[in-house]
Amino acid sequence: MKDIKAIRGKFYLARIIAEGEHECQDFKFAISDAKKIAKSLSAFANHKGGRLLIGVKDNGAIAGVRNEEDIYVIEQAAQMYCRPSQELRFTAFSAEDGAIVIRAEIDASPDKPVQALDTDGRWKSYRRVADENILATPLMVRAWRQLRSDRPIALTLGTTERSVLDVIRRATEPVDVNLIMHEATVSRRTAESIIIDLYAMGVVDFRFHNRQFMIVPAE
């Protein structure tokens, strides 16, 4: 790791810490497990990107970075425990009392899904929702892979496809695959295949609702 020269950031830190943890920001005080950090990086990369504030407690209190090992662990998480590996941008800020806070930024990945190696030895994909890292569903992972695939989308809006799309558009709240199957009278395989193609076309999206990812019209 290259030395990071700290710049004065008293007011900047106060402003962004006041935002609290949210879909694009996570506080990290104890940096001890690269795999746990990789989960956060996966969640940010599979959504809008985000930043880790290293040296900040969950309650927003500045504790400062303990040593260079913290940064090494985060770099290890991005390079060794994320697939594909991720690039981070580090900036060091000096707080009022001289404590150093490191901002580690990650962009939204064009190569979704970004997977993290879990403690059980399996590669898993996450997405950031509010201040949580939520495990992505297999359907979302398939949709992300379709989005980056070179295979052309051969979706024709016939009767079946329009039935599925009508169910999603008519609904007053996000819908799950089971409801789509029932309302459109299609099999799970057909419903999921159409949803994946509609997502790749930018017509539908996934939204976390009632503690699960569901389907909504794209905004």
Foldseek 3Di string as FASTA:
>chain_A
DDDADADADAPVLVVVLVVAAWQAEDEAEDQDALLVLLLVQQQQQQEFWHKYKYQADNVGDGRAHDDCVSVVSPQCSQVPFKVVRFDWDWHWHQHPVRGIIIIITGGHHLQPRIWGQHPVRDTFGWHGHTRDTHTDDPLVRLLSNVLPDPDDQPDDCDLLLVQLLCVQAVDPDFAALVVSCVRSVHDSVVSSVSQSSCVSVQQKDWDQDPNRTGIHGHD
